[in-house]
Amino acid sequence: MKKLVERIIRFRTWILNLLLTLAIVAPDILNSPEMLALVPAEYQRWVLAAAFLINIWMRPRPAVLPSDPEAKGDRQ
């Protein structure tokens, strides 16, 4: 259970970004005629999923937890 909580904390930005993107943007993108015209129907869901993944991968690395060695550093 502790590992699951640590994963959620580390990837909280990814999780929140994905959920908000799906909730706000997905309905507009899926119904936009521009998207439907550019991408063949059988690939539309794959293109949309790839766009979300690229957006998530833009974060350079997972968040640092207080227990990580790099977070301890040289505190005085």
Protein backbone atom coordinates (compact mmCIF):
# COMPACT_ATOMS: atom_id res chain seq x y z
CA MET A 1 0.00 0.00 0.00
CA LYS A 2 2.88 2.36 0.81
CA LYS A 3 4.32 1.83 -2.70
CA LEU A 4 0.98 2.75 -4.27
CA VAL A 5 0.76 5.97 -2.25
CA GLU A 6 4.35 6.85 -3.20
CA ARG A 7 3.56 6.28 -6.89
CA ILE A 8 0.48 8.49 -6.67
CA ILE A 9 2.49 11.26 -4.99
CA ARG A 10 5.33 11.04 -7.51
CA PHE A 11 3.06 11.07 -10.53
CA ARG A 12 0.38 13.40 -9.20
CA THR A 13 1.07 15.97 -11.91
CA TRP A 14 0.66 13.35 -14.63
CA ILE A 15 -2.52 11.96 -13.11
CA LEU A 16 -4.13 15.36 -12.60
CA ASN A 17 -3.04 16.55 -16.04
CA LEU A 18 -4.53 13.50 -17.69
CA LEU A 19 -7.83 13.70 -15.80
CA LEU A 20 -8.29 17.41 -16.43
CA THR A 21 -7.39 17.06 -20.10
CA LEU A 22 -9.87 14.25 -20.57
CA ALA A 23 -12.63 16.09 -18.71
CA ILE A 24 -12.21 19.47 -20.40
CA VAL A 25 -10.69 19.00 -23.83
CA ALA A 26 -11.69 15.54 -25.03
CA PRO A 27 -15.35 16.28 -25.82
CA ASP A 28 -14.41 19.30 -27.94
CA ILE A 29 -11.61 17.50 -29.78
CA LEU A 30 -13.62 14.39 -30.47
CA ASN A 31 -16.46 16.41 -31.99
CA SER A 32 -14.40 18.99 -33.88
CA PRO A 33 -14.74 18.77 -37.67
CA GLU A 34 -11.07 19.77 -38.10
CA MET A 35 -9.90 16.70 -36.20
CA LEU A 36 -12.30 14.45 -38.03
CA ALA A 37 -11.08 15.77 -41.40
CA LEU A 38 -7.36 15.39 -40.68
CA VAL A 39 -7.28 11.90 -39.20
CA PRO A 40 -9.02 8.87 -40.67
CA ALA A 41 -11.81 7.54 -38.45
CA GLU A 42 -10.03 4.29 -37.56
CA TYR A 43 -7.00 6.21 -36.20
CA GLN A 44 -8.71 9.08 -34.35
CA ARG A 45 -8.68 7.44 -30.92
CA TRP A 46 -5.02 6.45 -31.31
CA VAL A 47 -4.00 9.96 -32.31
CA LEU A 48 -5.86 11.44 -29.37
CA ALA A 49 -4.28 8.93 -26.96
CA ALA A 50 -0.82 9.71 -28.38
CA ALA A 51 -1.41 13.44 -27.89
CA PHE A 52 -2.26 12.87 -24.22
CA LEU A 53 0.81 10.69 -23.70
CA ILE A 54 3.10 13.25 -25.30
CA ASN A 55 1.63 15.90 -23.04
CA ILE A 56 2.37 13.73 -19.99
CA TRP A 57 5.89 12.88 -21.18
CA MET A 58 6.69 16.59 -21.34
CA ARG A 59 7.26 16.51 -17.59
CA PRO A 60 10.96 15.78 -17.26
CA ARG A 61 10.80 13.44 -14.27
CA PRO A 62 8.61 12.30 -11.39
CA ALA A 63 8.23 14.48 -8.31
CA VAL A 64 10.77 14.23 -5.49
CA LEU A 65 9.59 12.91 -2.14
CA PRO A 66 11.03 14.14 1.17
CA SER A 67 12.53 10.69 1.75
CA ASP A 68 14.60 10.81 -1.48
CA PRO A 69 18.35 11.36 -1.11
CA GLU A 70 18.32 14.35 -3.44
CA ALA A 71 15.71 16.08 -1.27
CA LYS A 72 17.86 15.82 1.85
CA GLY A 73 20.82 17.65 0.29
CA ASP A 74 22.93 19.97 2.45
CA ARG A 75 20.39 21.35 4.86
CA GLN A 76 21.73 23.42 7.69
